[in-house]
């Protein structure tokens, strides 16, 4: 996407992006925001062009409450915090 400076990695899974689309294109939300469905699709397309997809591993946790979904994506991407060193892998013993 031209002209966008990314300061953060945006981590999103396919199910989360689908949920964003479902919620943001609800008629009551479009009316409240004063935008058309096409306008919101443009916003979603712009978001999709800069995100980093996160692959889900359903064997870890088959279900999570909706409020934890975003946190799980952040954890899956393992983004370092400002000032932190990158974690070093530990050698397996035994």
Protein backbone atom coordinates (compact mmCIF):
# COMPACT_ATOMS: atom_id res chain seq x y z
CA UNK A 1 0.00 0.00 0.00
CA UNK A 2 1.54 3.26 -1.11
CA UNK A 3 2.14 5.98 1.45
CA UNK A 4 1.62 3.88 4.57
CA UNK A 5 4.33 3.81 7.22
CA UNK A 6 3.90 0.73 9.39
CA UNK A 7 5.10 1.23 12.94
CA UNK A 8 3.56 -2.01 14.20
CA UNK A 9 3.03 -5.51 12.86
CA UNK A 10 -0.69 -6.07 12.41
CA UNK A 11 -1.40 -9.73 13.09
CA UNK A 12 -4.76 -11.08 11.96
CA UNK A 13 -6.09 -14.58 11.29
CA UNK A 14 -8.57 -15.36 8.53
CA UNK A 15 -11.44 -16.01 11.01
CA UNK A 16 -10.76 -12.70 12.75
CA UNK A 17 -10.74 -10.82 9.42
CA UNK A 18 -14.02 -12.49 8.46
CA UNK A 19 -15.49 -11.42 11.80
CA UNK A 20 -14.31 -7.83 11.24
CA UNK A 21 -16.06 -7.83 7.88
CA UNK A 22 -19.26 -9.31 9.29
CA UNK A 23 -19.46 -6.71 12.05
CA UNK A 24 -18.28 -3.67 10.12
CA UNK A 25 -20.69 -4.25 7.22
CA UNK A 26 -23.81 -4.57 9.37
CA UNK A 27 -26.40 -2.08 8.17
CA UNK A 28 -26.75 -0.39 11.57
CA UNK A 29 -22.99 0.15 11.78
CA UNK A 30 -22.79 1.52 8.24
CA UNK A 31 -25.62 3.95 8.98
CA UNK A 32 -24.07 5.04 12.29
CA UNK A 33 -20.74 5.70 10.56
CA UNK A 34 -22.39 7.38 7.58
CA UNK A 35 -20.58 5.20 5.04
CA UNK A 36 -21.66 2.81 2.32
CA UNK A 37 -20.90 -0.89 2.12
CA UNK A 38 -18.47 -0.14 -0.73
CA UNK A 39 -16.64 2.40 1.46
CA UNK A 40 -16.29 -0.15 4.25
CA UNK A 41 -15.07 -2.78 1.79
CA UNK A 42 -12.36 -0.30 0.74
CA UNK A 43 -11.33 0.10 4.39
CA UNK A 44 -11.24 -3.68 4.87
CA UNK A 45 -9.22 -4.10 1.65
CA UNK A 46 -6.73 -1.48 2.87
CA UNK A 47 -6.44 -3.29 6.20
CA UNK A 48 -5.96 -6.64 4.45
CA UNK A 49 -3.16 -5.16 2.34
CA UNK A 50 -1.01 -4.34 5.38
CA UNK A 51 -1.72 -7.16 7.84
CA UNK A 52 0.48 -10.12 8.56
CA UNK A 53 -1.62 -13.27 8.40
CA UNK A 54 -1.39 -15.57 11.40
CA UNK A 55 -1.77 -19.28 10.92
CA UNK A 56 -3.96 -20.92 13.53
CA UNK A 57 -3.03 -24.12 15.34
CA UNK A 58 -6.34 -25.45 16.56
CA UNK A 59 -4.66 -28.24 18.51
CA UNK A 60 -3.36 -25.69 21.01
CA UNK A 61 -6.73 -24.34 22.09
CA UNK A 62 -9.79 -25.48 20.19
CA UNK A 63 -12.03 -22.67 21.44
CA UNK A 64 -11.48 -19.27 22.99
CA UNK A 65 -13.92 -16.60 24.10
CA UNK A 66 -14.16 -13.74 21.59
CA UNK A 67 -12.42 -11.34 23.97
CA UNK A 68 -9.25 -13.45 23.90
CA UNK A 69 -9.08 -13.95 20.12
CA UNK A 70 -7.03 -10.81 19.47
CA UNK A 71 -4.64 -11.61 22.31
CA UNK A 72 -4.06 -15.09 20.94
CA UNK A 73 -3.12 -13.63 17.55
CA UNK A 74 -0.65 -11.29 19.18
CA UNK A 75 0.87 -14.20 21.08
CA UNK A 76 1.09 -16.33 17.96
CA UNK A 77 3.08 -13.59 16.24
CA UNK A 78 5.32 -13.19 19.29
CA UNK A 79 5.97 -9.49 18.66
CA UNK A 80 8.72 -8.03 20.87
CA UNK A 81 7.87 -5.07 23.05
CA UNK A 82 9.71 -1.79 22.68
CA UNK A 83 13.11 -2.05 24.34
CA UNK A 84 12.99 -5.84 24.64
CA UNK A 85 15.64 -8.07 23.15
CA UNK A 86 14.41 -10.80 20.87
CA UNK A 87 13.89 -14.03 22.81
CA UNK A 88 16.60 -16.64 22.41
CA UNK A 89 15.64 -20.25 21.78
CA UNK A 90 16.58 -22.64 24.56
CA UNK A 91 18.46 -25.77 23.66
CA UNK A 92 16.61 -28.99 24.44
CA UNK A 93 18.31 -31.18 27.00
CA UNK A 94 17.96 -34.87 27.59
